[in-house]
Amino acid sequence: MRAKGLGGNSVGLLGSAVIGISTVAPVYCLTSTLGPTAGQVGVRMPAVFLAGFLPMLLVAFAYRELNRSLPDCGTSFTWTVRAFGPRTGWLCGWGLVIATIIVLSNLAGVATSFLYLLLGELTGSDAVAALDGNRPVHVATCLALIAAATAVSYRGMTATKGVQYALVALQLAVLALFVVLAVSKARTGAPPGATGFSWTWLNPFGIESFGAFTAGLSLSIFMYWGWDACLTVNEETEGSAATPGRAALLAMATLVGSYLLTAVATQMFAGVGEQGTGLGNPDTAGNVFAALAGPVMGSTAASLLFVAVLASAAASLQTTFLPVARTVLAMSTYRALPPSFARVHPRFKSPGRATIAAGAATGVFYAVMSWLSRNVLIDTVYALGLMICFYYSLTAFACAWYFRAELRNSVRDACFKGVFPLIGGTLLAAVFCKTLHDMWDPAYGSGSSVLGVGSVFVIGVGLLLLGVVLMLVMRRRSPEFFRGEVIAVSRSCPSTTGPARTICRDAGGTGQGPGARSMPS
């Protein structure tokens, strides 16, 4: 690992887990995906949330094992280079960067919408709430929120951590209150769509079709994306080799618990019908909490749910800058990107230039996409799943390949370094291929097309191909990285124990010794 100048020991286990939860934005994810998921799989929604959790958990094991061996803020980029070489690693890093920029732009849009919705509720003015529909006002507000989030992230981990404790605590507390009230009212049978809980809701084999299952699974995977932010701040975390992996698993456990409880509570209260407050109602599917806030929490407390969604989007907007800035920092440090992005602020110990660049790219992306069409912006969000599956699956496969010489050392090594990552990577690769196939159809996403091909396919594949073009440009500017002279590709070592195994592991971890060429430290 090469030193990058980041502030070490700035975050503990709890702070790291909070960053992971915040980046995922559980309340925002729930309000935007409960309806579409219920529309696809009906009452089996809790089962799909569990199914989506499985590949993410298996990939989390891969991240944990790789972080123990190579704690580097470049995470997927650095690890994939070590396993498969510079080109594959560069594209893996690009997948993470472009996915994060898409999410950041979408989070800014959601935060803006809920800001004006909340202001309309507090002032009782429909005119204030309608400002969200004013394109210039909406875009200007989005850019202001992006600038504010960039400024907080620019000031380093200390500022980030303090803001996140408050925002995450607020959204989880309001979500818990919503679940309790929804279950209480559902048990009285008063709501029109109220239904009793059934254990069959947790059975994925009851879903009517495989197509419906994969569609729901794709949405579920999106709901868990972002937990790896715990790993991208590993160089700033106390106990960088072990703490980030534990924080990731803690964040995942918190997320799956909150998702299952909320899914069960909303189904018990509203059902999955297509009328009224039913989760399958297409008119309210894109923002379930806006429709259920009043019926569940009452008119007085309904604003709390709007505040929670706004806090969720705002918190995630701020922490999502962490992985993209640190990935860009690592790529620049290892000469895979221009060296100017490797500058760290001398006072805040944060990747200042990379953070500002990420903020600027997000603002430009959102402004351009909004100007082109709302449909184009929606389709970029649908294309996000492609990027997520792409770089997560590559990282999982990188784990199994990097540790291939150690898989016979013990049952633990075989499972956590080989079998589990391979299964997780294969599942995500299968979702990637199925999504790629479905995206070809113009009906996927907003329903728009380019020369008869679905817009989501054009955007998703186009963004990946843009990464190939940029990689070729950087290959000409920085040939030493692509020749493997900066980060060495790990070679297989004998599977053994004792001193020979120590030499092998040292070679794989630092690039020194007989197992690999030199890697600067």
Protein backbone atom coordinates (compact mmCIF):
# COMPACT_ATOMS: atom_id res chain seq x y z
CA MET A 1 0.00 0.00 0.00
CA ARG A 2 1.30 3.46 -0.87
CA ALA A 3 0.82 6.23 1.72
CA LYS A 4 -1.57 8.92 0.48
CA GLY A 5 -1.53 11.46 3.31
CA LEU A 6 -5.06 10.79 4.62
CA GLY A 7 -5.81 11.37 8.31
CA GLY A 8 -5.31 8.05 10.07
CA ASN A 9 -7.32 6.79 13.09
CA SER A 10 -10.11 9.31 12.44
CA VAL A 11 -13.00 6.79 12.57
CA GLY A 12 -13.85 3.89 14.88
CA LEU A 13 -16.06 0.84 14.41
CA LEU A 14 -19.35 2.65 15.10
CA GLY A 15 -18.42 5.66 12.97
CA SER A 16 -17.43 3.43 10.08
CA ALA A 17 -20.70 1.47 10.29
CA VAL A 18 -22.68 4.74 10.42
CA ILE A 19 -20.94 5.88 7.22
CA GLY A 20 -21.92 2.62 5.53
CA ILE A 21 -25.57 2.90 6.62
CA SER A 22 -25.70 6.57 5.66
CA THR A 23 -24.35 5.94 2.17
CA VAL A 24 -27.03 3.32 1.54
CA ALA A 25 -29.73 5.79 2.70
CA PRO A 26 -32.26 3.21 3.98
CA VAL A 27 -35.29 5.54 4.31
CA TYR A 28 -34.74 7.00 0.84
CA CYS A 29 -34.31 3.50 -0.65
CA LEU A 30 -37.46 2.23 1.03
CA THR A 31 -39.73 5.07 -0.09
CA SER A 32 -38.58 4.70 -3.71
CA THR A 33 -38.46 0.90 -4.02
CA LEU A 34 -41.20 -0.54 -1.78
CA GLY A 35 -43.85 0.19 -4.42
CA PRO A 36 -42.00 -1.09 -7.52
CA THR A 37 -40.87 -4.23 -5.66
CA ALA A 38 -44.38 -4.98 -4.43
CA GLY A 39 -45.63 -4.40 -7.97
CA GLN A 40 -43.25 -7.08 -9.23
CA VAL A 41 -43.48 -9.78 -6.54
CA GLY A 42 -46.56 -8.91 -4.46
CA VAL A 43 -46.54 -10.11 -0.87
CA ARG A 44 -43.21 -11.92 -1.41
CA MET A 45 -41.40 -8.59 -1.08
CA PRO A 46 -39.75 -9.54 2.26
CA ALA A 47 -38.45 -12.72 0.60
CA VAL A 48 -36.90 -10.70 -2.22
CA PHE A 49 -35.23 -8.37 0.29
CA LEU A 50 -33.67 -11.44 1.90
CA ALA A 51 -32.63 -12.83 -1.51
CA GLY A 52 -30.97 -9.52 -2.42
CA PHE A 53 -29.13 -9.54 0.89
CA LEU A 54 -27.48 -12.92 0.17
CA PRO A 55 -25.13 -11.94 -2.70
CA MET A 56 -24.29 -8.68 -0.93
CA LEU A 57 -23.34 -10.59 2.24
CA LEU A 58 -21.15 -12.99 0.26
CA VAL A 59 -19.44 -10.09 -1.51
CA ALA A 60 -18.97 -8.36 1.87
CA PHE A 61 -16.93 -11.38 2.98
CA ALA A 62 -14.70 -10.86 -0.07
CA TYR A 63 -14.21 -7.20 0.82
CA ARG A 64 -13.36 -8.12 4.41
CA GLU A 65 -10.71 -10.66 3.42
CA LEU A 66 -9.13 -8.39 0.80
CA ASN A 67 -9.07 -5.48 3.24
CA ARG A 68 -7.25 -7.59 5.82
CA SER A 69 -4.51 -8.32 3.30
CA LEU A 70 -4.48 -4.99 1.40
CA PRO A 71 -6.07 -2.13 3.38
CA ASP A 72 -6.14 0.51 0.62
CA CYS A 73 -8.68 3.27 -0.01
CA GLY A 74 -8.74 2.25 -3.68
CA THR A 75 -10.59 -0.94 -2.61
CA SER A 76 -12.12 -2.53 -5.73
CA PHE A 77 -9.70 -0.76 -8.07
CA THR A 78 -6.53 -1.70 -6.19
CA TRP A 79 -7.60 -5.24 -5.38
CA THR A 80 -8.73 -6.04 -8.93
CA VAL A 81 -5.47 -4.71 -10.35
CA ARG A 82 -3.57 -7.00 -7.96
CA ALA A 83 -5.65 -9.99 -9.04
CA PHE A 84 -6.34 -9.48 -12.74
CA GLY A 85 -4.08 -6.70 -13.98
CA PRO A 86 -4.22 -2.97 -14.78
CA ARG A 87 -6.88 -2.94 -17.49
CA THR A 88 -9.48 -4.95 -15.59
CA GLY A 89 -8.71 -3.01 -12.42
CA TRP A 90 -9.04 0.34 -14.18
CA LEU A 91 -12.46 -0.59 -15.58
CA CYS A 92 -13.54 -1.85 -12.16
CA GLY A 93 -12.56 1.49 -10.65
CA TRP A 94 -14.43 3.29 -13.43
CA GLY A 95 -17.56 1.26 -12.68
CA LEU A 96 -17.46 2.41 -9.06
CA VAL A 97 -16.82 6.05 -9.97
CA ILE A 98 -19.58 6.36 -12.58
CA ALA A 99 -22.10 4.47 -10.42
CA THR A 100 -21.40 6.87 -7.56
CA ILE A 101 -21.80 9.97 -9.75
CA ILE A 102 -25.18 8.67 -10.99
CA VAL A 103 -26.31 8.04 -7.41
CA LEU A 104 -25.09 11.43 -6.22
CA SER A 105 -27.08 13.22 -8.91
CA ASN A 106 -30.19 11.19 -8.10
CA LEU A 107 -29.83 11.80 -4.36
CA ALA A 108 -29.59 15.54 -4.98
CA GLY A 109 -32.80 15.39 -7.00
CA VAL A 110 -34.64 13.41 -4.31
CA ALA A 111 -33.39 15.70 -1.53
CA THR A 112 -34.62 18.73 -3.52
CA SER A 113 -38.06 17.21 -4.07
CA PHE A 114 -38.53 16.37 -0.39
CA LEU A 115 -37.19 19.76 0.67
CA TYR A 116 -39.94 21.57 -1.21
CA LEU A 117 -42.52 18.96 -0.16
CA LEU A 118 -41.57 19.54 3.48
CA LEU A 119 -41.60 23.32 3.08
CA GLY A 120 -45.02 23.08 1.48
CA GLU A 121 -46.29 21.01 4.41
CA LEU A 122 -44.85 23.38 7.01
CA THR A 123 -46.13 26.55 5.31
CA GLY A 124 -49.40 25.04 4.08
CA SER A 125 -48.63 26.50 0.67
CA ASP A 126 -49.16 24.48 -2.50
CA ALA A 127 -47.18 27.13 -4.39
CA VAL A 128 -44.07 26.40 -2.32
CA ALA A 129 -44.44 22.64 -2.84
CA ALA A 130 -44.90 23.25 -6.59
CA LEU A 131 -41.48 24.92 -6.83
CA ASP A 132 -40.02 21.46 -7.27
CA GLY A 133 -41.71 21.29 -10.65
CA ASN A 134 -40.02 24.51 -11.76
CA ARG A 135 -37.01 23.22 -13.74
CA PRO A 136 -34.61 26.16 -13.16
CA VAL A 137 -35.45 26.32 -9.43
CA HIS A 138 -35.14 22.55 -9.07
CA VAL A 139 -31.75 22.35 -10.81
CA ALA A 140 -30.40 25.41 -8.93
CA THR A 141 -31.41 23.86 -5.60
CA CYS A 142 -29.81 20.54 -6.57
CA LEU A 143 -26.55 22.29 -7.41
CA ALA A 144 -26.64 24.12 -4.07
CA LEU A 145 -27.12 20.83 -2.17
CA ILE A 146 -24.30 19.20 -4.12
CA ALA A 147 -22.02 22.15 -3.31
CA ALA A 148 -22.91 21.93 0.39
CA ALA A 149 -22.27 18.17 0.51
CA THR A 150 -18.97 18.66 -1.32
CA ALA A 151 -17.92 21.30 1.23
CA VAL A 152 -18.62 19.01 4.20
CA SER A 153 -16.74 16.09 2.62
CA TYR A 154 -13.87 18.41 1.71
CA ARG A 155 -13.37 19.22 5.40
CA GLY A 156 -12.44 15.60 6.12
CA MET A 157 -13.62 12.67 8.19
CA THR A 158 -14.08 14.59 11.46
CA ALA A 159 -16.73 16.87 9.94
CA THR A 160 -18.32 13.99 8.04
CA LYS A 161 -18.62 11.76 11.13
CA GLY A 162 -20.33 14.38 13.28
CA VAL A 163 -22.99 15.18 10.71
CA GLN A 164 -23.69 11.51 10.01
CA TYR A 165 -24.32 10.44 13.62
CA ALA A 166 -27.19 12.93 13.85
CA LEU A 167 -28.72 12.23 10.42
CA VAL A 168 -28.55 8.43 10.67
CA ALA A 169 -29.96 8.41 14.22
CA LEU A 170 -32.84 10.63 13.09
CA GLN A 171 -33.85 8.51 10.11
CA LEU A 172 -33.62 5.17 11.95
CA ALA A 173 -35.63 6.52 14.91
CA VAL A 174 -38.42 7.83 12.66
CA LEU A 175 -38.41 4.59 10.67
CA ALA A 176 -38.78 2.59 13.90
CA LEU A 177 -41.72 4.80 14.93
CA PHE A 178 -43.34 4.28 11.52
CA VAL A 179 -43.00 0.48 11.81
CA VAL A 180 -44.51 0.38 15.32
CA LEU A 181 -47.48 2.57 14.35
CA ALA A 182 -48.10 0.68 11.08
CA VAL A 183 -48.17 -2.71 12.82
CA SER A 184 -50.37 -1.37 15.64
CA LYS A 185 -52.96 0.05 13.27
CA ALA A 186 -52.84 -3.01 11.02
CA ARG A 187 -53.61 -5.29 13.97
CA THR A 188 -56.78 -3.30 14.65
CA GLY A 189 -57.96 -3.96 11.09
CA ALA A 190 -58.89 -0.31 10.61
CA PRO A 191 -56.88 0.43 7.40
CA PRO A 192 -58.72 -0.63 4.19
CA GLY A 193 -55.86 -2.82 2.96
CA ALA A 194 -54.84 -4.25 6.34
CA THR A 195 -53.84 -7.91 6.32
CA GLY A 196 -52.41 -10.35 8.80
CA PHE A 197 -48.77 -11.40 8.74
CA SER A 198 -47.91 -14.72 7.07
CA TRP A 199 -44.65 -16.65 7.09
CA THR A 200 -45.20 -17.38 3.39
CA TRP A 201 -44.12 -13.79 2.73
CA LEU A 202 -40.56 -15.01 3.35
CA ASN A 203 -40.74 -17.79 0.74
CA PRO A 204 -39.12 -16.71 -2.58
CA PHE A 205 -40.33 -19.87 -4.35
CA GLY A 206 -43.88 -18.57 -4.26
CA ILE A 207 -43.12 -15.80 -6.77
CA GLU A 208 -45.12 -16.31 -9.95
CA SER A 209 -42.33 -16.02 -12.55
CA PHE A 210 -38.57 -15.96 -12.82
CA GLY A 211 -38.76 -12.63 -14.64
CA ALA A 212 -40.64 -11.05 -11.74
CA PHE A 213 -38.11 -12.51 -9.30
CA THR A 214 -35.07 -11.09 -11.16
CA ALA A 215 -36.75 -7.69 -11.53
CA GLY A 216 -37.43 -7.59 -7.81
CA LEU A 217 -33.93 -8.88 -7.06
CA SER A 218 -32.38 -6.09 -9.12
CA LEU A 219 -34.29 -3.51 -7.07
CA SER A 220 -33.30 -5.26 -3.86
CA ILE A 221 -29.59 -5.23 -4.79
CA PHE A 222 -29.81 -1.49 -5.41
CA MET A 223 -31.24 -1.05 -1.90
CA TYR A 224 -28.08 -2.52 -0.34
CA TRP A 225 -25.57 -0.70 -2.51
CA GLY A 226 -23.18 1.65 -0.71
CA TRP A 227 -22.16 -0.38 2.35
CA ASP A 228 -18.63 -0.63 0.90
CA ALA A 229 -18.07 3.04 1.83
CA CYS A 230 -16.89 1.53 5.15
CA LEU A 231 -13.95 0.04 3.26
CA THR A 232 -13.03 3.12 1.23
CA VAL A 233 -12.22 4.99 4.46
CA ASN A 234 -10.05 2.11 5.70
CA GLU A 235 -6.85 4.19 5.71
CA GLU A 236 -8.59 6.66 8.05
CA THR A 237 -10.07 4.00 10.35
CA GLU A 238 -8.68 2.73 13.66
CA GLY A 239 -7.44 -0.79 13.06
CA SER A 240 -7.57 -0.45 9.27
CA ALA A 241 -7.03 -4.16 8.63
CA ALA A 242 -9.99 -5.48 10.67
CA THR A 243 -12.36 -2.65 11.66
CA PRO A 244 -13.73 -1.73 8.18
CA GLY A 245 -14.76 -5.33 7.46
CA ARG A 246 -16.55 -5.62 10.80
CA ALA A 247 -18.23 -2.26 10.20
CA ALA A 248 -19.47 -3.43 6.80
CA LEU A 249 -21.07 -6.54 8.30
CA LEU A 250 -22.63 -4.46 11.11
CA ALA A 251 -24.07 -2.03 8.57
CA MET A 252 -25.44 -4.91 6.47
CA ALA A 253 -27.13 -6.48 9.51
CA THR A 254 -28.75 -3.15 10.42
CA LEU A 255 -29.98 -2.65 6.85
CA VAL A 256 -31.50 -6.09 6.34
CA GLY A 257 -33.26 -5.85 9.72
CA SER A 258 -34.76 -2.43 8.98
CA TYR A 259 -35.78 -3.46 5.46
CA LEU A 260 -37.54 -6.63 6.59
CA LEU A 261 -39.39 -4.92 9.44
CA THR A 262 -40.52 -2.05 7.20
CA ALA A 263 -41.60 -4.39 4.38
CA VAL A 264 -43.68 -6.49 6.77
CA ALA A 265 -45.18 -3.44 8.50
CA THR A 266 -46.19 -1.68 5.27
CA GLN A 267 -47.71 -4.85 3.82
CA MET A 268 -49.69 -5.45 7.01
CA PHE A 269 -50.98 -1.86 6.95
CA ALA A 270 -51.56 -1.20 3.25
CA GLY A 271 -51.46 -4.53 1.44
CA VAL A 272 -50.16 -4.84 -2.11
CA GLY A 273 -53.30 -3.78 -3.98
CA GLU A 274 -53.31 -1.34 -6.88
CA GLN A 275 -55.87 1.04 -5.41
CA GLY A 276 -55.74 3.66 -2.65
CA THR A 277 -52.81 3.22 -0.27
CA GLY A 278 -51.95 -0.25 -1.64
CA LEU A 279 -48.25 -0.69 -2.31
CA GLY A 280 -49.00 -1.79 -5.88
CA ASN A 281 -50.74 1.49 -6.75
CA PRO A 282 -48.71 2.90 -9.69
CA ASP A 283 -49.66 6.46 -8.74
CA THR A 284 -47.85 6.25 -5.39
CA ALA A 285 -45.25 3.54 -6.09
CA GLY A 286 -42.40 6.00 -6.62
CA ASN A 287 -42.84 7.59 -3.17
CA VAL A 288 -44.62 5.24 -0.78
CA PHE A 289 -43.90 7.19 2.39
CA ALA A 290 -45.48 10.35 0.96
CA ALA A 291 -48.71 8.37 0.55
CA LEU A 292 -48.55 6.51 3.88
CA ALA A 293 -47.16 9.23 6.16
CA GLY A 294 -50.58 10.70 7.02
CA PRO A 295 -52.57 7.43 7.34
CA VAL A 296 -49.90 5.75 9.49
CA MET A 297 -48.50 8.58 11.60
CA GLY A 298 -51.32 11.13 11.58
CA SER A 299 -51.25 14.66 10.21
CA THR A 300 -49.14 16.05 13.07
CA ALA A 301 -46.33 13.50 12.91
CA ALA A 302 -46.42 13.00 9.13
CA SER A 303 -43.85 15.75 8.63
CA LEU A 304 -41.38 13.67 10.65
CA LEU A 305 -41.34 11.08 7.89
CA PHE A 306 -40.69 13.78 5.28
CA VAL A 307 -37.83 15.03 7.47
CA ALA A 308 -36.47 11.46 7.71
CA VAL A 309 -36.49 10.97 3.94
CA LEU A 310 -34.84 14.35 3.44
CA ALA A 311 -32.25 13.52 6.12
CA SER A 312 -31.64 10.13 4.52
CA ALA A 313 -31.05 11.62 1.07
CA ALA A 314 -28.95 14.49 2.43
CA ALA A 315 -26.82 12.17 4.59
CA SER A 316 -26.20 9.80 1.71
CA LEU A 317 -25.45 12.70 -0.63
CA GLN A 318 -22.66 13.77 1.71
CA THR A 319 -21.13 10.35 2.50
CA THR A 320 -21.35 9.05 -1.06
CA PHE A 321 -18.59 11.53 -1.90
CA LEU A 322 -16.26 9.45 0.27
CA PRO A 323 -15.89 6.35 -1.95
CA VAL A 324 -15.66 8.21 -5.26
CA ALA A 325 -13.12 10.76 -3.97
CA ARG A 326 -10.93 8.09 -2.37
CA THR A 327 -11.10 5.81 -5.40
CA VAL A 328 -10.03 8.70 -7.62
CA LEU A 329 -7.29 9.55 -5.10
CA ALA A 330 -5.96 5.97 -5.21
CA MET A 331 -6.14 5.77 -9.01
CA SER A 332 -4.22 9.03 -9.24
CA THR A 333 -1.66 7.97 -6.62
CA TYR A 334 -0.94 4.82 -8.62
CA ARG A 335 -0.77 6.86 -11.87
CA ALA A 336 -3.96 5.45 -13.36
CA LEU A 337 -5.39 9.02 -13.45
CA PRO A 338 -3.71 12.45 -13.73
CA PRO A 339 -1.46 13.16 -10.71
CA SER A 340 -3.31 16.35 -9.73
CA PHE A 341 -6.13 14.26 -8.17
CA ALA A 342 -3.66 12.78 -5.68
CA ARG A 343 -3.41 16.03 -3.70
CA VAL A 344 -4.52 15.78 -0.06
CA HIS A 345 -5.51 18.90 1.89
CA PRO A 346 -2.73 19.62 4.39
CA ARG A 347 -5.14 20.67 7.16
CA PHE A 348 -8.23 18.48 6.66
CA LYS A 349 -6.28 15.41 5.47
CA SER A 350 -8.94 14.75 2.81
CA PRO A 351 -8.60 14.21 -0.96
CA GLY A 352 -9.57 17.82 -1.65
CA ARG A 353 -8.97 17.95 -5.41
CA ALA A 354 -10.72 14.60 -5.99
CA THR A 355 -13.69 15.65 -3.84
CA ILE A 356 -14.16 18.91 -5.73
CA ALA A 357 -13.84 17.08 -9.05
CA ALA A 358 -16.51 14.57 -7.98
CA GLY A 359 -18.83 17.39 -6.93
CA ALA A 360 -18.31 19.25 -10.21
CA ALA A 361 -18.88 16.08 -12.26
CA THR A 362 -22.09 15.33 -10.34
CA GLY A 363 -23.43 18.85 -10.84
CA VAL A 364 -22.67 18.85 -14.57
CA PHE A 365 -24.12 15.37 -15.00
CA TYR A 366 -27.38 16.25 -13.28
CA ALA A 367 -27.77 19.61 -15.02
CA VAL A 368 -27.14 18.13 -18.48
CA MET A 369 -29.40 15.12 -17.95
CA SER A 370 -32.19 17.31 -16.54
CA TRP A 371 -31.91 19.64 -19.51
CA LEU A 372 -32.09 16.75 -21.98
CA SER A 373 -35.12 15.04 -20.44
CA ARG A 374 -36.58 13.76 -17.19
CA ASN A 375 -36.82 10.38 -18.92
CA VAL A 376 -33.07 10.35 -19.60
CA LEU A 377 -32.41 11.07 -15.92
CA ILE A 378 -34.72 8.23 -14.88
CA ASP A 379 -33.04 5.85 -17.32
CA THR A 380 -29.60 6.62 -15.90
CA VAL A 381 -30.88 5.45 -12.52
CA TYR A 382 -32.13 2.21 -14.07
CA ALA A 383 -28.68 1.75 -15.65
CA LEU A 384 -27.12 2.04 -12.20
CA GLY A 385 -27.79 -1.63 -11.40
CA LEU A 386 -25.54 -2.61 -14.28
CA MET A 387 -22.60 -0.67 -12.80
CA ILE A 388 -23.18 -2.05 -9.30
CA CYS A 389 -23.21 -5.68 -10.42
CA PHE A 390 -20.20 -5.03 -12.67
CA TYR A 391 -17.72 -3.84 -10.08
CA TYR A 392 -19.05 -5.88 -7.13
CA SER A 393 -18.80 -9.14 -9.08
CA LEU A 394 -15.30 -8.29 -10.33
CA THR A 395 -14.19 -7.61 -6.75
CA ALA A 396 -15.65 -10.91 -5.54
CA PHE A 397 -13.88 -12.85 -8.30
CA ALA A 398 -10.68 -10.94 -7.53
CA CYS A 399 -10.83 -12.20 -3.94
CA ALA A 400 -11.09 -15.85 -4.96
CA TRP A 401 -8.27 -15.51 -7.50
CA TYR A 402 -5.96 -13.45 -5.28
CA PHE A 403 -6.19 -16.00 -2.44
CA ARG A 404 -6.24 -19.08 -4.69
CA ALA A 405 -3.03 -20.47 -3.18
CA GLU A 406 -4.50 -20.37 0.34
CA LEU A 407 -7.85 -22.05 -0.22
CA ARG A 408 -6.57 -25.44 0.96
CA ASN A 409 -5.09 -24.08 4.18
CA SER A 410 -8.30 -24.39 6.20
CA VAL A 411 -12.05 -24.71 5.88
CA ARG A 412 -12.35 -21.06 6.88
CA ASP A 413 -10.04 -19.91 4.09
CA ALA A 414 -11.83 -22.10 1.57
CA CYS A 415 -15.22 -20.63 2.48
CA PHE A 416 -14.52 -16.96 3.14
CA LYS A 417 -11.77 -16.45 0.55
CA GLY A 418 -13.03 -18.76 -2.16
CA VAL A 419 -16.47 -20.35 -2.08
CA PHE A 420 -18.53 -17.45 -0.69
CA PRO A 421 -16.98 -14.76 -2.93
CA LEU A 422 -17.36 -17.01 -5.98
CA ILE A 423 -21.04 -17.63 -5.27
CA GLY A 424 -21.68 -13.94 -4.60
CA GLY A 425 -19.80 -12.86 -7.72
CA THR A 426 -21.59 -15.44 -9.87
CA LEU A 427 -25.01 -14.35 -8.63
CA LEU A 428 -24.26 -10.69 -9.36
CA ALA A 429 -22.75 -11.56 -12.75
CA ALA A 430 -25.96 -13.44 -13.58
CA VAL A 431 -28.05 -10.40 -12.62
CA PHE A 432 -25.71 -8.25 -14.76
CA CYS A 433 -26.27 -10.46 -17.81
CA LYS A 434 -30.04 -10.71 -17.27
CA THR A 435 -30.31 -6.93 -16.79
CA LEU A 436 -28.23 -6.32 -19.91
CA HIS A 437 -30.60 -8.54 -21.88
CA ASP A 438 -33.73 -6.87 -20.50
CA MET A 439 -32.36 -3.37 -21.11
CA TRP A 440 -32.36 -3.96 -24.87
CA ASP A 441 -36.15 -3.76 -24.81
CA PRO A 442 -37.37 -0.13 -25.16
CA ALA A 443 -40.10 -0.91 -22.61
CA TYR A 444 -37.42 -1.18 -19.89
CA GLY A 445 -37.19 1.97 -17.77
CA SER A 446 -38.96 5.06 -19.08
CA GLY A 447 -40.00 3.36 -22.32
CA SER A 448 -37.85 5.54 -24.57
CA SER A 449 -35.48 4.20 -27.22
CA VAL A 450 -32.60 5.12 -29.52
CA LEU A 451 -32.81 3.58 -33.02
CA GLY A 452 -35.10 0.88 -31.65
CA VAL A 453 -32.82 0.01 -28.72
CA GLY A 454 -33.86 0.75 -25.14
CA SER A 455 -32.45 4.00 -23.75
CA VAL A 456 -31.36 2.25 -20.55
CA PHE A 457 -29.20 -0.15 -22.60
CA VAL A 458 -27.69 2.72 -24.58
CA ILE A 459 -26.88 4.69 -21.42
CA GLY A 460 -25.57 1.73 -19.41
CA VAL A 461 -23.39 0.24 -22.13
CA GLY A 462 -22.42 3.70 -23.34
CA LEU A 463 -21.07 4.68 -19.91
CA LEU A 464 -19.04 1.47 -19.69
CA LEU A 465 -17.63 2.07 -23.19
CA LEU A 466 -16.77 5.63 -22.20
CA GLY A 467 -14.62 4.06 -19.50
CA VAL A 468 -12.82 2.00 -22.15
CA VAL A 469 -12.09 5.17 -24.15
CA LEU A 470 -10.76 7.02 -21.09
CA MET A 471 -8.64 4.01 -20.20
CA LEU A 472 -7.03 4.06 -23.66
CA VAL A 473 -6.30 7.77 -23.22
CA MET A 474 -4.66 7.15 -19.84
CA ARG A 475 -2.71 4.24 -21.30
CA ARG A 476 -0.96 6.70 -23.59
CA ARG A 477 -0.41 9.23 -20.78
CA SER A 478 0.67 6.75 -18.10
CA PRO A 479 2.08 3.61 -19.77
CA GLU A 480 4.01 2.53 -16.65
CA PHE A 481 0.76 1.78 -14.78
CA PHE A 482 -0.61 -0.33 -17.60
CA ARG A 483 2.69 -2.21 -17.91
CA GLY A 484 2.27 -3.32 -14.29
CA GLU A 485 5.24 -1.29 -13.02
CA VAL A 486 3.27 0.61 -10.35
CA ILE A 487 0.97 -2.08 -8.93
CA ALA A 488 2.23 -5.60 -9.48
CA VAL A 489 -0.12 -8.43 -10.37
CA SER A 490 -0.05 -11.07 -7.63
CA ARG A 491 1.31 -14.46 -8.64
CA SER A 492 0.25 -17.79 -7.23
CA CYS A 493 2.25 -19.00 -4.21
CA PRO A 494 2.56 -22.50 -2.74
CA SER A 495 -0.25 -23.40 -0.38
CA THR A 496 1.60 -24.07 2.85
CA THR A 497 2.07 -22.89 6.39
CA GLY A 498 4.94 -21.51 8.43
CA PRO A 499 7.73 -19.31 7.07
CA ALA A 500 7.06 -20.18 3.44
CA ARG A 501 3.44 -19.07 3.80
CA THR A 502 4.57 -15.82 5.47
CA ILE A 503 6.83 -15.00 2.51
CA CYS A 504 4.00 -15.80 0.11
CA ARG A 505 1.50 -13.59 1.97
CA ASP A 506 4.04 -10.77 2.21
CA ALA A 507 4.60 -11.01 -1.51
CA GLY A 508 0.90 -10.88 -2.19
CA GLY A 509 0.31 -8.01 0.21
CA THR A 510 3.16 -5.63 -0.50
CA GLY A 511 4.59 -6.64 -3.81
CA GLN A 512 7.93 -7.67 -2.27
CA GLY A 513 9.58 -11.06 -2.32
CA PRO A 514 9.43 -13.95 -4.79
CA GLY A 515 5.69 -13.87 -5.38
CA ALA A 516 5.38 -10.52 -7.16
CA ARG A 517 7.23 -7.66 -8.72
CA SER A 518 7.86 -4.50 -6.71
CA MET A 519 5.00 -2.23 -5.65
CA PRO A 520 5.93 1.12 -4.07
CA SER A 521 4.95 1.44 -0.42
